[in-house]
C-alpha atoms as a PDB file:
ATOM      1  CA  MET A   1     109.446  66.689  58.359  1.00  0.00           C
ATOM      2  CA  GLU A   2     106.287  68.705  57.913  1.00  0.00           C
ATOM      3  CA  HIS A   3     106.450  72.479  58.226  1.00  0.00           C
ATOM      4  CA  VAL A   4     103.945  73.954  60.687  1.00  0.00           C
ATOM      5  CA  ASN A   5     102.724  77.457  59.988  1.00  0.00           C
ATOM      6  CA  PRO A   6     102.637  79.336  63.344  1.00  0.00           C
ATOM      7  CA  GLN A   7      99.869  81.624  62.049  1.00  0.00           C
ATOM      8  CA  GLU A   8      97.641  78.608  61.331  1.00  0.00           C
ATOM      9  CA  VAL A   9      98.307  77.172  64.779  1.00  0.00           C
ATOM     10  CA  LEU A  10      97.514  80.547  66.338  1.00  0.00           C
ATOM     11  CA  ARG A  11      94.256  80.738  64.341  1.00  0.00           C
ATOM     12  CA  ASP A  12      93.275  77.245  65.501  1.00  0.00           C
ATOM     13  CA  VAL A  13      93.990  78.100  69.127  1.00  0.00           C
ATOM     14  CA  TYR A  14      92.113  81.387  68.698  1.00  0.00           C
ATOM     15  CA  LYS A  15      89.034  79.476  67.494  1.00  0.00           C
ATOM     16  CA  GLU A  16      89.174  77.322  70.638  1.00  0.00           C
ATOM     17  CA  VAL A  17      89.501  80.393  72.879  1.00  0.00           C
ATOM     18  CA  ASP A  18      86.544  82.036  71.127  1.00  0.00           C
ATOM     19  CA  GLN A  19      84.378  78.902  71.416  1.00  0.00           C
ATOM     20  CA  SER A  20      85.273  78.473  75.092  1.00  0.00           C
ATOM     21  CA  PHE A  21      84.448  82.105  75.830  1.00  0.00           C
ATOM     22  CA  ARG A  22      81.077  81.850  74.088  1.00  0.00           C
ATOM     23  CA  ALA A  23      80.193  78.577  75.858  1.00  0.00           C
ATOM     24  CA  ILE A  24      81.057  79.933  79.332  1.00  0.00           C
ATOM     25  CA  ASP A  25      79.289  83.223  78.637  1.00  0.00           C
ATOM     26  CA  ASP A  26      76.190  81.342  77.431  1.00  0.00           C
ATOM     27  CA  VAL A  27      75.979  79.253  80.627  1.00  0.00           C
ATOM     28  CA  ARG A  28      76.494  82.360  82.765  1.00  0.00           C
ATOM     29  CA  LEU A  29      73.715  84.224  80.963  1.00  0.00           C
ATOM     30  CA  LYS A  30      71.289  81.324  81.331  1.00  0.00           C
ATOM     31  CA  LEU A  31      72.003  80.951  85.051  1.00  0.00           C
ATOM     32  CA  LEU A  32      71.783  84.684  85.615  1.00  0.00           C
ATOM     33  CA  SER A  33      68.384  84.875  83.939  1.00  0.00           C
ATOM     34  CA  LEU A  34      66.825  81.625  85.146  1.00  0.00           C
ATOM     35  CA  LEU A  35      67.861  81.701  88.823  1.00  0.00           C
ATOM     36  CA  PRO A  36      65.784  84.728  89.893  1.00  0.00           C
ATOM     37  CA  ILE A  37      62.779  83.630  87.825  1.00  0.00           C
ATOM     38  CA  ALA A  38      62.817  80.054  89.132  1.00  0.00           C
ATOM     39  CA  SER A  39      63.524  81.129  92.719  1.00  0.00           C
ATOM     40  CA  GLY A  40      60.777  83.749  92.614  1.00  0.00           C
ATOM     41  CA  ALA A  41      58.255  81.235  91.289  1.00  0.00           C
ATOM     42  CA  ILE A  42      59.224  78.595  93.865  1.00  0.00           C
ATOM     43  CA  ILE A  43      59.181  81.072  96.767  1.00  0.00           C
ATOM     44  CA  THR A  44      55.798  82.459  95.688  1.00  0.00           C
ATOM     45  CA  ALA A  45      54.340  78.964  95.377  1.00  0.00           C
ATOM     46  CA  LEU A  46      55.749  77.981  98.777  1.00  0.00           C
ATOM     47  CA  LEU A  47      54.438  81.051 100.561  1.00  0.00           C
ATOM     48  CA  ASN A  48      50.994  80.618  98.996  1.00  0.00           C
ATOM     49  CA  SER A  49      50.694  76.910  99.800  1.00  0.00           C
ATOM     50  CA  VAL A  50      52.611  76.235 103.026  1.00  0.00           C
ATOM     51  CA  HIS A  51      50.791  77.183 106.197  1.00  0.00           C
ATOM     52  CA  ASP A  52      53.254  75.452 108.516  1.00  0.00           C
ATOM     53  CA  THR A  53      56.098  77.986 108.435  1.00  0.00           C
ATOM     54  CA  PRO A  54      58.619  75.874 110.434  1.00  0.00           C
ATOM     55  CA  SER A  55      58.805  73.551 107.434  1.00  0.00           C
ATOM     56  CA  LEU A  56      60.194  76.495 105.412  1.00  0.00           C
ATOM     57  CA  VAL A  57      63.471  76.612 107.375  1.00  0.00           C
ATOM     58  CA  PRO A  58      65.185  73.701 105.584  1.00  0.00           C
ATOM     59  CA  VAL A  59      63.752  74.781 102.229  1.00  0.00           C
ATOM     60  CA  GLY A  60      65.064  78.326 102.711  1.00  0.00           C
ATOM     61  CA  ILE A  61      68.475  77.061 103.805  1.00  0.00           C
ATOM     62  CA  LEU A  62      68.644  74.702 100.831  1.00  0.00           C
ATOM     63  CA  GLY A  63      67.653  77.502  98.440  1.00  0.00           C
ATOM     64  CA  ALA A  64      70.292  79.810  99.952  1.00  0.00           C
ATOM     65  CA  ALA A  65      72.961  77.074  99.746  1.00  0.00           C
ATOM     66  CA  VAL A  66      72.170  76.289  96.099  1.00  0.00           C
ATOM     67  CA  THR A  67      72.213  80.000  95.266  1.00  0.00           C
ATOM     68  CA  ALA A  68      75.574  80.449  97.026  1.00  0.00           C
ATOM     69  CA  ALA A  69      77.040  77.482  95.132  1.00  0.00           C
ATOM     70  CA  LEU A  70      75.802  78.854  91.799  1.00  0.00           C
ATOM     71  CA  PHE A  71      77.187  82.269  92.744  1.00  0.00           C
ATOM     72  CA  PHE A  72      80.685  80.857  93.259  1.00  0.00           C
ATOM     73  CA  TYR A  73      80.324  78.961  89.985  1.00  0.00           C
ATOM     74  CA  GLU A  74      79.431  82.325  88.396  1.00  0.00           C
ATOM     75  CA  LEU A  75      82.477  83.993  89.946  1.00  0.00           C
ATOM     76  CA  MET A  76      84.758  81.314  88.500  1.00  0.00           C
ATOM     77  CA  GLY A  77      83.030  81.789  85.133  1.00  0.00           C
ATOM     78  CA  ILE A  78      83.746  85.517  85.359  1.00  0.00           C
ATOM     79  CA  LEU A  79      87.435  84.836  85.983  1.00  0.00           C
ATOM     80  CA  ARG A  80      87.604  82.305  83.159  1.00  0.00           C
ATOM     81  CA  CYS A  81      85.969  84.780  80.779  1.00  0.00           C
ATOM     82  CA  ALA A  82      88.395  87.520  81.850  1.00  0.00           C
ATOM     83  CA  THR A  83      91.313  85.196  81.110  1.00  0.00           C
ATOM     84  CA  LEU A  84      89.857  84.216  77.735  1.00  0.00           C
ATOM     85  CA  ILE A  85      89.246  87.883  76.841  1.00  0.00           C
ATOM     86  CA  ASP A  86      92.883  88.684  77.597  1.00  0.00           C
ATOM     87  CA  LEU A  87      94.070  85.686  75.564  1.00  0.00           C
ATOM     88  CA  GLY A  88      91.736  86.551  72.689  1.00  0.00           C
ATOM     89  CA  GLN A  89      92.857  90.172  72.624  1.00  0.00           C
ATOM     90  CA  GLY A  90      96.516  89.133  72.551  1.00  0.00           C
ATOM     91  CA  MET A  91      95.875  86.698  69.717  1.00  0.00           C
ATOM     92  CA  GLU A  92      93.893  89.268  67.733  1.00  0.00           C
ATOM     93  CA  ARG A  93      96.775  91.732  68.069  1.00  0.00           C
ATOM     94  CA  GLU A  94      99.247  89.038  67.009  1.00  0.00           C
ATOM     95  CA  LEU A  95      97.106  88.086  63.999  1.00  0.00           C
ATOM     96  CA  GLY A  96      96.339  91.723  63.113  1.00  0.00           C
ATOM     97  CA  TRP A  97      92.581  91.107  63.360  1.00  0.00           C
ATOM     98  CA  PRO A  98      90.145  93.617  64.810  1.00  0.00           C
ATOM     99  CA  GLY A  99      88.116  90.710  66.194  1.00  0.00           C
ATOM    100  CA  PRO A 100      85.380  90.508  68.814  1.00  0.00           C
ATOM    101  CA  PHE A 101      87.732  90.533  71.804  1.00  0.00           C
ATOM    102  CA  LEU A 102      89.406  93.797  70.820  1.00  0.00           C
ATOM    103  CA  ARG A 103      86.021  95.306  69.965  1.00  0.00           C
ATOM    104  CA  LEU A 104      84.440  94.563  73.343  1.00  0.00           C
ATOM    105  CA  PRO A 105      82.830  97.693  74.749  1.00  0.00           C
ATOM    106  CA  ALA A 106      84.672  99.259  77.669  1.00  0.00           C
ATOM    107  CA  VAL A 107      81.797  98.337  79.981  1.00  0.00           C
ATOM    108  CA  ALA A 108      82.360  94.636  79.195  1.00  0.00           C
ATOM    109  CA  GLN A 109      85.999  94.957  80.179  1.00  0.00           C
ATOM    110  CA  GLY A 110      85.168  96.726  83.431  1.00  0.00           C
ATOM    111  CA  HIS A 111      83.166  95.421  86.348  1.00  0.00           C
ATOM    112  CA  ALA A 112      79.611  96.376  85.316  1.00  0.00           C
ATOM    113  CA  PHE A 113      78.535  92.806  84.516  1.00  0.00           C
ATOM    114  CA  GLU A 114      80.204  91.447  87.627  1.00  0.00           C
ATOM    115  CA  VAL A 115      78.366  93.965  89.811  1.00  0.00           C
ATOM    116  CA  ALA A 116      75.100  93.002  88.116  1.00  0.00           C
ATOM    117  CA  ALA A 117      75.765  89.320  88.825  1.00  0.00           C
ATOM    118  CA  CYS A 118      76.596  90.106  92.453  1.00  0.00           C
ATOM    119  CA  ILE A 119      73.336  92.057  92.807  1.00  0.00           C
ATOM    120  CA  ILE A 120      71.166  89.329  91.256  1.00  0.00           C
ATOM    121  CA  TYR A 121      72.693  86.436  93.163  1.00  0.00           C
ATOM    122  CA  SER A 122      72.673  88.428  96.417  1.00  0.00           C
ATOM    123  CA  ALA A 123      69.012  89.327  96.004  1.00  0.00           C
ATOM    124  CA  VAL A 124      68.063  85.690  95.398  1.00  0.00           C
ATOM    125  CA  PHE A 125      70.229  84.558  98.334  1.00  0.00           C
ATOM    126  CA  GLY A 126      68.557  87.162 100.546  1.00  0.00           C
ATOM    127  CA  ALA A 127      65.107  86.007  99.439  1.00  0.00           C
ATOM    128  CA  TRP A 128      65.917  82.423 100.442  1.00  0.00           C
ATOM    129  CA  ILE A 129      67.294  83.625 103.801  1.00  0.00           C
ATOM    130  CA  ALA A 130      64.036  85.544 104.305  1.00  0.00           C
ATOM    131  CA  VAL A 131      62.053  82.352 103.607  1.00  0.00           C
ATOM    132  CA  ALA A 132      64.094  80.472 106.213  1.00  0.00           C
ATOM    133  CA  ALA A 133      63.753  83.331 108.716  1.00  0.00           C
ATOM    134  CA  LEU A 134      60.008  83.578 108.134  1.00  0.00           C
ATOM    135  CA  SER A 135      59.311  80.637 110.406  1.00  0.00           C
ATOM    136  CA  LEU A 136      61.641  81.858 113.138  1.00  0.00           C
ATOM    137  CA  ALA A 137      60.344  85.380 113.487  1.00  0.00           C
ATOM    138  CA  ARG A 138      57.831  86.753 110.997  1.00  0.00           C
ATOM    139  CA  GLY A 139      58.663  90.370 111.789  1.00  0.00           C
ATOM    140  CA  TRP A 140      62.360  89.833 111.220  1.00  0.00           C
ATOM    141  CA  ALA A 141      62.173  87.821 107.989  1.00  0.00           C
ATOM    142  CA  LEU A 142      62.536  90.803 105.653  1.00  0.00           C
ATOM    143  CA  SER A 143      65.385  92.235 107.740  1.00  0.00           C
ATOM    144  CA  ALA A 144      67.180  88.875 107.733  1.00  0.00           C
ATOM    145  CA  GLY A 145      66.786  88.670 103.953  1.00  0.00           C
ATOM    146  CA  ILE A 146      68.171  92.165 103.426  1.00  0.00           C
ATOM    147  CA  VAL A 147      71.125  91.540 105.748  1.00  0.00           C
ATOM    148  CA  GLY A 148      71.798  88.188 104.024  1.00  0.00           C
ATOM    149  CA  ALA A 149      71.690  89.834 100.600  1.00  0.00           C
ATOM    150  CA  CYS A 150      74.027  92.649 101.660  1.00  0.00           C
ATOM    151  CA  LEU A 151      76.514  90.255 103.264  1.00  0.00           C
ATOM    152  CA  SER A 152      76.547  87.914 100.285  1.00  0.00           C
ATOM    153  CA  PHE A 153      77.043  90.853  97.894  1.00  0.00           C
ATOM    154  CA  PHE A 154      79.921  92.189  99.983  1.00  0.00           C
ATOM    155  CA  VAL A 155      81.646  88.817 100.382  1.00  0.00           C
ATOM    156  CA  GLY A 156      81.188  87.915  96.708  1.00  0.00           C
ATOM    157  CA  PHE A 157      82.383  91.268  95.435  1.00  0.00           C
ATOM    158  CA  VAL A 158      85.435  91.367  97.737  1.00  0.00           C
ATOM    159  CA  TRP A 159      86.333  87.796  96.772  1.00  0.00           C
ATOM    160  CA  LEU A 160      85.947  88.638  93.089  1.00  0.00           C
ATOM    161  CA  GLN A 161      88.186  91.697  93.433  1.00  0.00           C
ATOM    162  CA  SER A 162      90.886  89.655  95.187  1.00  0.00           C
ATOM    163  CA  GLN A 163      90.747  87.034  92.427  1.00  0.00           C
ATOM    164  CA  TYR A 164      90.999  89.753  89.765  1.00  0.00           C
ATOM    165  CA  ALA A 165      94.083  91.108  91.505  1.00  0.00           C
ATOM    166  CA  CYS A 166      95.644  87.608  91.481  1.00  0.00           C
ATOM    167  CA  LEU A 167      94.710  87.151  87.830  1.00  0.00           C
ATOM    168  CA  LYS A 168      96.188  90.503  86.792  1.00  0.00           C
ATOM    169  CA  ASN A 169      99.354  89.779  88.792  1.00  0.00           C
ATOM    170  CA  ARG A 170      99.693  86.405  87.083  1.00  0.00           C
ATOM    171  CA  GLN A 171      99.212  87.991  83.663  1.00  0.00           C
ATOM    172  CA  THR A 172     101.817  90.650  84.426  1.00  0.00           C
ATOM    173  CA  LEU A 173     104.333  88.017  85.556  1.00  0.00           C
ATOM    174  CA  ALA A 174     103.523  85.817  82.550  1.00  0.00           C
ATOM    175  CA  ALA A 175     104.130  88.769  80.240  1.00  0.00           C
ATOM    176  CA  ARG A 176     107.557  89.138  81.855  1.00  0.00           C
ATOM    177  CA  GLY A 177     108.323  85.473  81.187  1.00  0.00           C
ATOM    178  CA  MET A 178     107.436  84.104  84.595  1.00  0.00           C
ATOM    179  CA  ALA A 179     104.468  81.958  83.521  1.00  0.00           C
ATOM    180  CA  ASP A 180     104.801  79.388  86.303  1.00  0.00           C
ATOM    181  CA  THR A 181     103.202  81.679  88.864  1.00  0.00           C
ATOM    182  CA  PRO A 182     100.235  80.422  90.922  1.00  0.00           C
ATOM    183  CA  ARG A 183      96.729  80.787  89.541  1.00  0.00           C
ATOM    184  CA  PRO A 184      93.988  82.637  91.434  1.00  0.00           C
ATOM    185  CA  GLY A 185      93.008  80.536  94.424  1.00  0.00           C
ATOM    186  CA  GLU A 186      96.326  78.649  94.552  1.00  0.00           C
ATOM    187  CA  ASP A 187      98.631  79.334  97.476  1.00  0.00           C
ATOM    188  CA  GLY A 188     101.789  79.226  95.415  1.00  0.00           C
ATOM    189  CA  ALA A 189     103.472  76.706  97.737  1.00  0.00           C
END
């Protein structure tokens, strides 16, 4: 029977955690940078070329729906990254390595990036709502966009905080040996 070195297994798993974190973080960064640029270009082109504003309603709704879907994808990416950071930090402690997870700046372990994501996605969502509202009432389009942005920020941020609370609770229970607790978003039944 072959002897398995637990340190080697831990190093192999650590490499997978690190690669997963980097891949998720890379996709999040690309979406976060491309969404406002692409949406801004499309909205500008639409407003400069479309003179029949009722045709903007479905386009604005579609843009808002796509933005909302990408926002929830981003929120799940945030939770996955938080889990991978916690796993990576535990493995680095176990291995005695001062690796990248333990050296993350405090701001990366807080909510600064999550707030930034909420602001960007909410602003883009609000812009698409304003496009849709433009055909309904020109004077109210900006107001509708601002209200839509504020509501989406609030809902996204509250949802994210509730998921963080579930994640932290699960990690606490797992640390106590109760690893079969429900994951964020599961009802536990």
